[in-house]
Amino acid sequence: VPVLLIWGDRDRAVYPSSAGTLLKHFPQGKLVTMRGAGHVPYEENP
């Protein structure tokens, strides 16, 4: 199914560098990076 990955580029809890490898597992995947956000982008830039 369609998969959306959302990552803050300042995330220190789950490394943004892991997003690319994870994305490869989803044929319908998409990655969006939120600039300036950390681990909780839904709170930092809702």
ModelCIF file with pLDDT and N, C-alpha, C, O atoms, coordinates in Angstrom:
data_MODEL
#
_entry.id   MODEL 
#
_entity.id                         1 
_entity.type                       polymer 
_entity.pdbx_number_of_molecules   1 
#
_entity_poly.entity_id                      1 
_entity_poly.type                           'polypeptide(L)' 
_entity_poly.nstd_linkage                   no 
_entity_poly.nstd_monomer                   no 
_entity_poly.pdbx_seq_one_letter_code       VPVLLIWGDRDRAVYPSSAGTLLKHFPQGKLVTMRGAGHVPYEENP 
_entity_poly.pdbx_seq_one_letter_code_can   VPVLLIWGDRDRAVYPSSAGTLLKHFPQGKLVTMRGAGHVPYEENP 
_entity_poly.pdbx_strand_id                 A 
#
loop_
_entity_poly_seq.entity_id 
_entity_poly_seq.num 
_entity_poly_seq.mon_id 
_entity_poly_seq.hetero 
1 1  VAL n 
1 2  PRO n 
1 3  VAL n 
1 4  LEU n 
1 5  LEU n 
1 6  ILE n 
1 7  TRP n 
1 8  GLY n 
1 9  ASP n 
1 10 ARG n 
1 11 ASP n 
1 12 ARG n 
1 13 ALA n 
1 14 VAL n 
1 15 TYR n 
1 16 PRO n 
1 17 SER n 
1 18 SER n 
1 19 ALA n 
1 20 GLY n 
1 21 THR n 
1 22 LEU n 
1 23 LEU n 
1 24 LYS n 
1 25 HIS n 
1 26 PHE n 
1 27 PRO n 
1 28 GLN n 
1 29 GLY n 
1 30 LYS n 
1 31 LEU n 
1 32 VAL n 
1 33 THR n 
1 34 MET n 
1 35 ARG n 
1 36 GLY n 
1 37 ALA n 
1 38 GLY n 
1 39 HIS n 
1 40 VAL n 
1 41 PRO n 
1 42 TYR n 
1 43 GLU n 
1 44 GLU n 
1 45 ASN n 
1 46 PRO n 
#
_struct_asym.id          A 
_struct_asym.entity_id   1 
#
loop_
_ma_qa_metric.id 
_ma_qa_metric.mode 
_ma_qa_metric.name 
_ma_qa_metric.software_group_id 
_ma_qa_metric.type 
1 global pLDDT . pLDDT 
2 local  pLDDT . pLDDT 
#
_ma_qa_metric_global.metric_id      1 
_ma_qa_metric_global.metric_value   96.85 
_ma_qa_metric_global.model_id       1 
_ma_qa_metric_global.ordinal_id     1 
#
loop_
_ma_qa_metric_local.label_asym_id 
_ma_qa_metric_local.label_comp_id 
_ma_qa_metric_local.label_seq_id 
_ma_qa_metric_local.metric_id 
_ma_qa_metric_local.metric_value 
_ma_qa_metric_local.model_id 
_ma_qa_metric_local.ordinal_id 
A VAL 1  2 98.00 1 1  
A PRO 2  2 98.00 1 2  
A VAL 3  2 98.00 1 3  
A LEU 4  2 98.00 1 4  
A LEU 5  2 98.00 1 5  
A ILE 6  2 98.00 1 6  
A TRP 7  2 98.00 1 7  
A GLY 8  2 98.00 1 8  
A ASP 9  2 97.00 1 9  
A ARG 10 2 97.00 1 10 
A ASP 11 2 95.00 1 11 
A ARG 12 2 91.00 1 12 
A ALA 13 2 90.00 1 13 
A VAL 14 2 94.00 1 14 
A TYR 15 2 94.00 1 15 
A PRO 16 2 96.00 1 16 
A SER 17 2 95.00 1 17 
A SER 18 2 96.00 1 18 
A ALA 19 2 97.00 1 19 
A GLY 20 2 96.00 1 20 
A THR 21 2 97.00 1 21 
A LEU 22 2 97.00 1 22 
A LEU 23 2 98.00 1 23 
A LYS 24 2 97.00 1 24 
A HIS 25 2 97.00 1 25 
A PHE 26 2 98.00 1 26 
A PRO 27 2 96.00 1 27 
A GLN 28 2 97.00 1 28 
A GLY 29 2 98.00 1 29 
A LYS 30 2 97.00 1 30 
A LEU 31 2 98.00 1 31 
A VAL 32 2 98.00 1 32 
A THR 33 2 98.00 1 33 
A MET 34 2 98.00 1 34 
A ARG 35 2 97.00 1 35 
A GLY 36 2 97.00 1 36 
A ALA 37 2 98.00 1 37 
A GLY 38 2 97.00 1 38 
A HIS 39 2 96.00 1 39 
A VAL 40 2 97.00 1 40 
A PRO 41 2 98.00 1 41 
A TYR 42 2 98.00 1 42 
A GLU 43 2 98.00 1 43 
A GLU 44 2 97.00 1 44 
A ASN 45 2 98.00 1 45 
A PRO 46 2 98.00 1 46 
#
loop_
_atom_site.group_PDB 
_atom_site.id 
_atom_site.type_symbol 
_atom_site.label_atom_id 
_atom_site.label_alt_id 
_atom_site.label_comp_id 
_atom_site.label_asym_id 
_atom_site.label_entity_id 
_atom_site.label_seq_id 
_atom_site.pdbx_PDB_ins_code 
_atom_site.Cartn_x 
_atom_site.Cartn_y 
_atom_site.Cartn_z 
_atom_site.occupancy 
_atom_site.B_iso_or_equiv 
_atom_site.pdbx_formal_charge 
_atom_site.auth_seq_id 
_atom_site.auth_comp_id 
_atom_site.auth_asym_id 
_atom_site.auth_atom_id 
_atom_site.pdbx_PDB_model_num 
ATOM 1   N N  . VAL A 1 1  ? 0.861  -1.188 0.000  1.00 98.00 ? 1  VAL A N  1 
ATOM 2   C CA . VAL A 1 1  ? 0.000  0.000  0.000  1.00 98.00 ? 1  VAL A CA 1 
ATOM 3   C C  . VAL A 1 1  ? 0.896  1.236  0.000  1.00 98.00 ? 1  VAL A C  1 
ATOM 4   O O  . VAL A 1 1  ? 2.086  1.130  0.298  1.00 98.00 ? 1  VAL A O  1 
ATOM 5   N N  . PRO A 1 2  ? 0.351  2.398  -0.326 1.00 98.00 ? 2  PRO A N  1 
ATOM 6   C CA . PRO A 1 2  ? 1.152  3.622  -0.235 1.00 98.00 ? 2  PRO A CA 1 
ATOM 7   C C  . PRO A 1 2  ? 1.682  3.847  1.173  1.00 98.00 ? 2  PRO A C  1 
ATOM 8   O O  . PRO A 1 2  ? 0.942  3.732  2.150  1.00 98.00 ? 2  PRO A O  1 
ATOM 9   N N  . VAL A 1 3  ? 2.962  4.168  1.271  1.00 98.00 ? 3  VAL A N  1 
ATOM 10  C CA . VAL A 1 3  ? 3.629  4.371  2.561  1.00 98.00 ? 3  VAL A CA 1 
ATOM 11  C C  . VAL A 1 3  ? 4.316  5.733  2.551  1.00 98.00 ? 3  VAL A C  1 
ATOM 12  O O  . VAL A 1 3  ? 5.025  6.079  1.606  1.00 98.00 ? 3  VAL A O  1 
ATOM 13  N N  . LEU A 1 4  ? 4.097  6.491  3.608  1.00 98.00 ? 4  LEU A N  1 
ATOM 14  C CA . LEU A 1 4  ? 4.743  7.784  3.768  1.00 98.00 ? 4  LEU A CA 1 
ATOM 15  C C  . LEU A 1 4  ? 5.650  7.735  4.990  1.00 98.00 ? 4  LEU A C  1 
ATOM 16  O O  . LEU A 1 4  ? 5.192  7.463  6.100  1.00 98.00 ? 4  LEU A O  1 
ATOM 17  N N  . LEU A 1 5  ? 6.936  8.001  4.784  1.00 98.00 ? 5  LEU A N  1 
ATOM 18  C CA . LEU A 1 5  ? 7.875  8.153  5.888  1.00 98.00 ? 5  LEU A CA 1 
ATOM 19  C C  . LEU A 1 5  ? 8.081  9.635  6.142  1.00 98.00 ? 5  LEU A C  1 
ATOM 20  O O  . LEU A 1 5  ? 8.325  10.399 5.208  1.00 98.00 ? 5  LEU A O  1 
ATOM 21  N N  . ILE A 1 6  ? 7.984  10.046 7.405  1.00 98.00 ? 6  ILE A N  1 
ATOM 22  C CA . ILE A 1 6  ? 8.215  11.436 7.781  1.00 98.00 ? 6  ILE A CA 1 
ATOM 23  C C  . ILE A 1 6  ? 9.334  11.460 8.818  1.00 98.00 ? 6  ILE A C  1 
ATOM 24  O O  . ILE A 1 6  ? 9.275  10.758 9.827  1.00 98.00 ? 6  ILE A O  1 
ATOM 25  N N  . TRP A 1 7  ? 10.351 12.276 8.558  1.00 98.00 ? 7  TRP A N  1 
ATOM 26  C CA . TRP A 1 7  ? 11.494 12.349 9.471  1.00 98.00 ? 7  TRP A CA 1 
ATOM 27  C C  . TRP A 1 7  ? 11.891 13.800 9.686  1.00 98.00 ? 7  TRP A C  1 
ATOM 28  O O  . TRP A 1 7  ? 11.887 14.596 8.747  1.00 98.00 ? 7  TRP A O  1 
ATOM 29  N N  . GLY A 1 8  ? 12.231 14.142 10.913 1.00 98.00 ? 8  GLY A N  1 
ATOM 30  C CA . GLY A 1 8  ? 12.858 15.427 11.179 1.00 98.00 ? 8  GLY A CA 1 
ATOM 31  C C  . GLY A 1 8  ? 14.348 15.312 10.935 1.00 98.00 ? 8  GLY A C  1 
ATOM 32  O O  . GLY A 1 8  ? 14.962 14.330 11.353 1.00 98.00 ? 8  GLY A O  1 
ATOM 33  N N  . ASP A 1 9  ? 14.951 16.297 10.263 1.00 97.00 ? 9  ASP A N  1 
ATOM 34  C CA . ASP A 1 9  ? 16.371 16.173 9.925  1.00 97.00 ? 9  ASP A CA 1 
ATOM 35  C C  . ASP A 1 9  ? 17.281 16.373 11.134 1.00 97.00 ? 9  ASP A C  1 
ATOM 36  O O  . ASP A 1 9  ? 18.494 16.190 11.029 1.00 97.00 ? 9  ASP A O  1 
ATOM 37  N N  . ARG A 1 10 ? 16.709 16.746 12.281 1.00 97.00 ? 10 ARG A N  1 
ATOM 38  C CA . ARG A 1 10 ? 17.489 16.877 13.508 1.00 97.00 ? 10 ARG A CA 1 
ATOM 39  C C  . ARG A 1 10 ? 17.132 15.791 14.527 1.00 97.00 ? 10 ARG A C  1 
ATOM 40  O O  . ARG A 1 10 ? 17.371 15.955 15.723 1.00 97.00 ? 10 ARG A O  1 
ATOM 41  N N  . ASP A 1 11 ? 16.570 14.703 14.055 1.00 95.00 ? 11 ASP A N  1 
ATOM 42  C CA . ASP A 1 11 ? 16.157 13.614 14.941 1.00 95.00 ? 11 ASP A CA 1 
ATOM 43  C C  . ASP A 1 11 ? 17.386 12.944 15.552 1.00 95.00 ? 11 ASP A C  1 
ATOM 44  O O  . ASP A 1 11 ? 18.255 12.456 14.829 1.00 95.00 ? 11 ASP A O  1 
ATOM 45  N N  . ARG A 1 12 ? 17.458 12.922 16.891 1.00 91.00 ? 12 ARG A N  1 
ATOM 46  C CA . ARG A 1 12 ? 18.566 12.274 17.582 1.00 91.00 ? 12 ARG A CA 1 
ATOM 47  C C  . ARG A 1 12 ? 18.146 10.971 18.241 1.00 91.00 ? 12 ARG A C  1 
ATOM 48  O O  . ARG A 1 12 ? 18.963 10.314 18.886 1.00 91.00 ? 12 ARG A O  1 
ATOM 49  N N  . ALA A 1 13 ? 16.888 10.588 18.091 1.00 90.00 ? 13 ALA A N  1 
ATOM 50  C CA . ALA A 1 13 ? 16.404 9.357  18.715 1.00 90.00 ? 13 ALA A CA 1 
ATOM 51  C C  . ALA A 1 13 ? 16.407 8.191  17.734 1.00 90.00 ? 13 ALA A C  1 
ATOM 52  O O  . ALA A 1 13 ? 16.868 7.099  18.069 1.00 90.00 ? 13 ALA A O  1 
ATOM 53  N N  . VAL A 1 14 ? 15.893 8.416  16.518 1.00 94.00 ? 14 VAL A N  1 
ATOM 54  C CA . VAL A 1 14 ? 15.950 7.425  15.442 1.00 94.00 ? 14 VAL A CA 1 
ATOM 55  C C  . VAL A 1 14 ? 16.606 8.124  14.262 1.00 94.00 ? 14 VAL A C  1 
ATOM 56  O O  . VAL A 1 14 ? 16.042 9.063  13.699 1.00 94.00 ? 14 VAL A O  1 
ATOM 57  N N  . TYR A 1 15 ? 17.779 7.677  13.892 1.00 94.00 ? 15 TYR A N  1 
ATOM 58  C CA . TYR A 1 15 ? 18.613 8.424  12.971 1.00 94.00 ? 15 TYR A CA 1 
ATOM 59  C C  . TYR A 1 15 ? 17.981 8.591  11.588 1.00 94.00 ? 15 TYR A C  1 
ATOM 60  O O  . TYR A 1 15 ? 17.524 7.610  11.002 1.00 94.00 ? 15 TYR A O  1 
ATOM 61  N N  . PRO A 1 16 ? 17.947 9.816  11.058 1.00 96.00 ? 16 PRO A N  1 
ATOM 62  C CA . PRO A 1 16 ? 17.439 10.043 9.699  1.00 96.00 ? 16 PRO A CA 1 
ATOM 63  C C  . PRO A 1 16 ? 18.203 9.245  8.647  1.00 96.00 ? 16 PRO A C  1 
ATOM 64  O O  . PRO A 1 16 ? 17.659 8.955  7.582  1.00 96.00 ? 16 PRO A O  1 
ATOM 65  N N  . SER A 1 17 ? 19.445 8.888  8.927  1.00 95.00 ? 17 SER A N  1 
ATOM 66  C CA . SER A 1 17 ? 20.242 8.118  7.967  1.00 95.00 ? 17 SER A CA 1 
ATOM 67  C C  . SER A 1 17 ? 19.656 6.736  7.711  1.00 95.00 ? 17 SER A C  1 
ATOM 68  O O  . SER A 1 17 ? 19.987 6.102  6.709  1.00 95.00 ? 17 SER A O  1 
ATOM 69  N N  . SER A 1 18 ? 18.791 6.261  8.600  1.00 96.00 ? 18 SER A N  1 
ATOM 70  C CA . SER A 1 18 ? 18.170 4.943  8.415  1.00 96.00 ? 18 SER A CA 1 
ATOM 71  C C  . SER A 1 18 ? 16.972 4.999  7.474  1.00 96.00 ? 18 SER A C  1 
ATOM 72  O O  . SER A 1 18 ? 16.483 3.956  7.038  1.00 96.00 ? 18 SER A O  1 
ATOM 73  N N  . ALA A 1 19 ? 16.496 6.193  7.155  1.00 97.00 ? 19 ALA A N  1 
ATOM 74  C CA . ALA A 1 19 ? 15.272 6.326  6.360  1.00 97.00 ? 19 ALA A CA 1 
ATOM 75  C C  . ALA A 1 19 ? 15.427 5.755  4.961  1.00 97.00 ? 19 ALA A C  1 
ATOM 76  O O  . ALA A 1 19 ? 14.518 5.101  4.449  1.00 97.00 ? 19 ALA A O  1 
ATOM 77  N N  . GLY A 1 20 ? 16.579 6.001  4.339  1.00 96.00 ? 20 GLY A N  1 
ATOM 78  C CA . GLY A 1 20 ? 16.776 5.533  2.968  1.00 96.00 ? 20 GLY A CA 1 
ATOM 79  C C  . GLY A 1 20 ? 16.713 4.024  2.855  1.00 96.00 ? 20 GLY A C  1 
ATOM 80  O O  . GLY A 1 20 ? 16.097 3.497  1.928  1.00 96.00 ? 20 GLY A O  1 
ATOM 81  N N  . THR A 1 21 ? 17.344 3.321  3.789  1.00 97.00 ? 21 THR A N  1 
ATOM 82  C CA . THR A 1 21 ? 17.314 1.862  3.768  1.00 97.00 ? 21 THR A CA 1 
ATOM 83  C C  . THR A 1 21 ? 15.899 1.353  4.001  1.00 97.00 ? 21 THR A C  1 
ATOM 84  O O  . THR A 1 21 ? 15.454 0.423  3.329  1.00 97.00 ? 21 THR A O  1 
ATOM 85  N N  . LEU A 1 22 ? 15.199 1.951  4.940  1.00 97.00 ? 22 LEU A N  1 
ATOM 86  C CA . LEU A 1 22 ? 13.818 1.542  5.216  1.00 97.00 ? 22 LEU A CA 1 
ATOM 87  C C  . LEU A 1 22 ? 12.931 1.774  4.003  1.00 97.00 ? 22 LEU A C  1 
ATOM 88  O O  . LEU A 1 22 ? 12.081 0.944  3.683  1.00 97.00 ? 22 LEU A O  1 
ATOM 89  N N  . LEU A 1 23 ? 13.127 2.899  3.329  1.00 98.00 ? 23 LEU A N  1 
ATOM 90  C CA . LEU A 1 23 ? 12.292 3.250  2.187  1.00 98.00 ? 23 LEU A CA 1 
ATOM 91  C C  . LEU A 1 23 ? 12.376 2.214  1.072  1.00 98.00 ? 23 LEU A C  1 
ATOM 92  O O  . LEU A 1 23 ? 11.400 1.998  0.354  1.00 98.00 ? 23 LEU A O  1 
ATOM 93  N N  . LYS A 1 24 ? 13.532 1.573  0.921  1.00 97.00 ? 24 LYS A N  1 
ATOM 94  C CA . LYS A 1 24 ? 13.721 0.583  -0.137 1.00 97.00 ? 24 LYS A CA 1 
ATOM 95  C C  . LYS A 1 24 ? 12.773 -0.606 -0.010 1.00 97.00 ? 24 LYS A C  1 
ATOM 96  O O  . LYS A 1 24 ? 12.569 -1.342 -0.976 1.00 97.00 ? 24 LYS A O  1 
ATOM 97  N N  . HIS A 1 25 ? 12.198 -0.797 1.161  1.00 97.00 ? 25 HIS A N  1 
ATOM 98  C CA . HIS A 1 25 ? 11.320 -1.945 1.382  1.00 97.00 ? 25 HIS A CA 1 
ATOM 99  C C  . HIS A 1 25 ? 9.871  -1.662 0.978  1.00 97.00 ? 25 HIS A C  1 
ATOM 100 O O  . HIS A 1 25 ? 9.024  -2.552 1.064  1.00 97.00 ? 25 HIS A O  1 
ATOM 101 N N  . PHE A 1 26 ? 9.581  -0.450 0.544  1.00 98.00 ? 26 PHE A N  1 
ATOM 102 C CA . PHE A 1 26 ? 8.204  -0.089 0.215  1.00 98.00 ? 26 PHE A CA 1 
ATOM 103 C C  . PHE A 1 26 ? 8.100  0.310  -1.258 1.00 98.00 ? 26 PHE A C  1 
ATOM 104 O O  . PHE A 1 26 ? 8.545  1.396  -1.629 1.00 98.00 ? 26 PHE A O  1 
ATOM 105 N N  . PRO A 1 27 ? 7.526  -0.540 -2.096 1.00 96.00 ? 27 PRO A N  1 
ATOM 106 C CA . PRO A 1 27 ? 7.398  -0.218 -3.530 1.00 96.00 ? 27 PRO A CA 1 
ATOM 107 C C  . PRO A 1 27 ? 6.641  1.076  -3.776 1.00 96.00 ? 27 PRO A C  1 
ATOM 108 O O  . PRO A 1 27 ? 6.909  1.776  -4.752 1.00 96.00 ? 27 PRO A O  1 
ATOM 109 N N  . GLN A 1 28 ? 5.693  1.401  -2.894 1.00 97.00 ? 28 GLN A N  1 
ATOM 110 C CA . GLN A 1 28 ? 4.918  2.636  -3.043 1.00 97.00 ? 28 GLN A CA 1 
ATOM 111 C C  . GLN A 1 28 ? 5.285  3.637  -1.944 1.00 97.00 ? 28 GLN A C  1 
ATOM 112 O O  . GLN A 1 28 ? 4.430  4.376  -1.456 1.00 97.00 ? 28 GLN A O  1 
ATOM 113 N N  . GLY A 1 29 ? 6.555  3.650  -1.565 1.00 98.00 ? 29 GLY A N  1 
ATOM 114 C CA . GLY A 1 29 ? 6.994  4.500  -0.464 1.00 98.00 ? 29 GLY A CA 1 
ATOM 115 C C  . GLY A 1 29 ? 7.457  5.872  -0.883 1.00 98.00 ? 29 GLY A C  1 
ATOM 116 O O  . GLY A 1 29 ? 7.905  6.079  -2.011 1.00 98.00 ? 29 GLY A O  1 
ATOM 117 N N  . LYS A 1 30 ? 7.344  6.802  0.033  1.00 97.00 ? 30 LYS A N  1 
ATOM 118 C CA . LYS A 1 30 ? 7.774  8.183  -0.178 1.00 97.00 ? 30 LYS A CA 1 
ATOM 119 C C  . LYS A 1 30 ? 8.341  8.705  1.135  1.00 97.00 ? 30 LYS A C  1 
ATOM 120 O O  . LYS A 1 30 ? 7.801  8.415  2.203  1.00 97.00 ? 30 LYS A O  1 
ATOM 121 N N  . LEU A 1 31 ? 9.418  9.467  1.062  1.00 98.00 ? 31 LEU A N  1 
ATOM 122 C CA . LEU A 1 31 ? 10.038 10.054 2.246  1.00 98.00 ? 31 LEU A CA 1 
ATOM 123 C C  . LEU A 1 31 ? 9.906  11.567 2.204  1.00 98.00 ? 31 LEU A C  1 
ATOM 124 O O  . LEU A 1 31 ? 10.225 12.200 1.198  1.00 98.00 ? 31 LEU A O  1 
ATOM 125 N N  . VAL A 1 32 ? 9.433  12.142 3.309  1.00 98.00 ? 32 VAL A N  1 
ATOM 126 C CA . VAL A 1 32 ? 9.390  13.593 3.470  1.00 98.00 ? 32 VAL A CA 1 
ATOM 127 C C  . VAL A 1 32 ? 10.237 13.950 4.685  1.00 98.00 ? 32 VAL A C  1 
ATOM 128 O O  . VAL A 1 32 ? 10.024 13.426 5.779  1.00 98.00 ? 32 VAL A O  1 
ATOM 129 N N  . THR A 1 33 ? 11.196 14.843 4.484  1.00 98.00 ? 33 THR A N  1 
ATOM 130 C CA . THR A 1 33 ? 12.043 15.307 5.575  1.00 98.00 ? 33 THR A CA 1 
ATOM 131 C C  . THR A 1 33 ? 11.607 16.702 6.001  1.00 98.00 ? 33 THR A C  1 
ATOM 132 O O  . THR A 1 33 ? 11.506 17.612 5.178  1.00 98.00 ? 33 THR A O  1 
ATOM 133 N N  . MET A 1 34 ? 11.353 16.858 7.283  1.00 98.00 ? 34 MET A N  1 
ATOM 134 C CA . MET A 1 34 ? 10.932 18.151 7.811  1.00 98.00 ? 34 MET A CA 1 
ATOM 135 C C  . MET A 1 34 ? 12.144 18.873 8.389  1.00 98.00 ? 34 MET A C  1 
ATOM 136 O O  . MET A 1 34 ? 12.740 18.423 9.367  1.00 98.00 ? 34 MET A O  1 
ATOM 137 N N  . ARG A 1 35 ? 12.500 19.991 7.776  1.00 97.00 ? 35 ARG A N  1 
ATOM 138 C CA . ARG A 1 35 ? 13.698 20.723 8.142  1.00 97.00 ? 35 ARG A CA 1 
ATOM 139 C C  . ARG A 1 35 ? 13.556 21.387 9.513  1.00 97.00 ? 35 ARG A C  1 
ATOM 140 O O  . ARG A 1 35 ? 12.541 22.010 9.824  1.00 97.00 ? 35 ARG A O  1 
ATOM 141 N N  . GLY A 1 36 ? 14.598 21.232 10.311 1.00 97.00 ? 36 GLY A N  1 
ATOM 142 C CA . GLY A 1 36 ? 14.628 21.868 11.617 1.00 97.00 ? 36 GLY A CA 1 
ATOM 143 C C  . GLY A 1 36 ? 13.918 21.103 12.705 1.00 97.00 ? 36 GLY A C  1 
ATOM 144 O O  . GLY A 1 36 ? 13.984 21.482 13.875 1.00 97.00 ? 36 GLY A O  1 
ATOM 145 N N  . ALA A 1 37 ? 13.235 20.021 12.338 1.00 98.00 ? 37 ALA A N  1 
ATOM 146 C CA . ALA A 1 37 ? 12.472 19.245 13.322 1.00 98.00 ? 37 ALA A CA 1 
ATOM 147 C C  . ALA A 1 37 ? 13.320 18.114 13.877 1.00 98.00 ? 37 ALA A C  1 
ATOM 148 O O  . ALA A 1 37 ? 14.257 17.640 13.235 1.00 98.00 ? 37 ALA A O  1 
ATOM 149 N N  . GLY A 1 38 ? 12.972 17.696 15.077 1.00 97.00 ? 38 GLY A N  1 
ATOM 150 C CA . GLY A 1 38 ? 13.618 16.572 15.709 1.00 97.00 ? 38 GLY A CA 1 
ATOM 151 C C  . GLY A 1 38 ? 12.763 15.320 15.618 1.00 97.00 ? 38 GLY A C  1 
ATOM 152 O O  . GLY A 1 38 ? 12.290 14.961 14.539 1.00 97.00 ? 38 GLY A O  1 
ATOM 153 N N  . HIS A 1 39 ? 12.568 14.659 16.742 1.00 96.00 ? 39 HIS A N  1 
ATOM 154 C CA . HIS A 1 39 ? 11.899 13.361 16.771 1.00 96.00 ? 39 HIS A CA 1 
ATOM 155 C C  . HIS A 1 39 ? 10.380 13.466 16.786 1.00 96.00 ? 39 HIS A C  1 
ATOM 156 O O  . HIS A 1 39 ? 9.690  12.482 16.522 1.00 96.00 ? 39 HIS A O  1 
ATOM 157 N N  . VAL A 1 40 ? 9.854  14.643 17.091 1.00 97.00 ? 40 VAL A N  1 
ATOM 158 C CA . VAL A 1 40 ? 8.396  14.783 17.208 1.00 97.00 ? 40 VAL A CA 1 
ATOM 159 C C  . VAL A 1 40 ? 7.916  15.914 16.296 1.00 97.00 ? 40 VAL A C  1 
ATOM 160 O O  . VAL A 1 40 ? 7.413  16.920 16.796 1.00 97.00 ? 40 VAL A O  1 
ATOM 161 N N  . PRO A 1 41 ? 8.054  15.781 14.981 1.00 98.00 ? 41 PRO A N  1 
ATOM 162 C CA . PRO A 1 41 ? 7.699  16.874 14.065 1.00 98.00 ? 41 PRO A CA 1 
ATOM 163 C C  . PRO A 1 41 ? 6.232  17.259 14.126 1.00 98.00 ? 41 PRO A C  1 
ATOM 164 O O  . PRO A 1 41 ? 5.882  18.394 13.804 1.00 98.00 ? 41 PRO A O  1 
ATOM 165 N N  . TYR A 1 42 ? 5.368  16.338 14.532 1.00 98.00 ? 42 TYR A N  1 
ATOM 166 C CA . TYR A 1 42 ? 3.939  16.645 14.650 1.00 98.00 ? 42 TYR A CA 1 
ATOM 167 C C  . TYR A 1 42 ? 3.668  17.629 15.776 1.00 98.00 ? 42 TYR A C  1 
ATOM 168 O O  . TYR A 1 42 ? 2.609  18.257 15.796 1.00 98.00 ? 42 TYR A O  1 
ATOM 169 N N  . GLU A 1 43 ? 4.603  17.781 16.718 1.00 98.00 ? 43 GLU A N  1 
ATOM 170 C CA . GLU A 1 43 ? 4.489  18.792 17.766 1.00 98.00 ? 43 GLU A CA 1 
ATOM 171 C C  . GLU A 1 43 ? 5.284  20.046 17.422 1.00 98.00 ? 43 GLU A C  1 
ATOM 172 O O  . GLU A 1 43 ? 4.867  21.156 17.753 1.00 98.00 ? 43 GLU A O  1 
ATOM 173 N N  . GLU A 1 44 ? 6.425  19.875 16.759 1.00 97.00 ? 44 GLU A N  1 
ATOM 174 C CA . GLU A 1 44 ? 7.331  20.993 16.498 1.00 97.00 ? 44 GLU A CA 1 
ATOM 175 C C  . GLU A 1 44 ? 6.834  21.900 15.387 1.00 97.00 ? 44 GLU A C  1 
ATOM 176 O O  . GLU A 1 44 ? 6.971  23.120 15.465 1.00 97.00 ? 44 GLU A O  1 
ATOM 177 N N  . ASN A 1 45 ? 6.258  21.303 14.353 1.00 98.00 ? 45 ASN A N  1 
ATOM 178 C CA . ASN A 1 45 ? 5.687  22.088 13.246 1.00 98.00 ? 45 ASN A CA 1 
ATOM 179 C C  . ASN A 1 45 ? 4.387  21.425 12.822 1.00 98.00 ? 45 ASN A C  1 
ATOM 180 O O  . ASN A 1 45 ? 4.314  20.829 11.747 1.00 98.00 ? 45 ASN A O  1 
ATOM 181 N N  . PRO A 1 46 ? 3.353  21.526 13.665 1.00 98.00 ? 46 PRO A N  1 
ATOM 182 C CA . PRO A 1 46 ? 2.122  20.784 13.396 1.00 98.00 ? 46 PRO A CA 1 
ATOM 183 C C  . PRO A 1 46 ? 1.400  21.208 12.123 1.00 98.00 ? 46 PRO A C  1 
ATOM 184 O O  . PRO A 1 46 ? 0.352  20.653 11.794 1.00 98.00 ? 46 PRO A O  1 
#
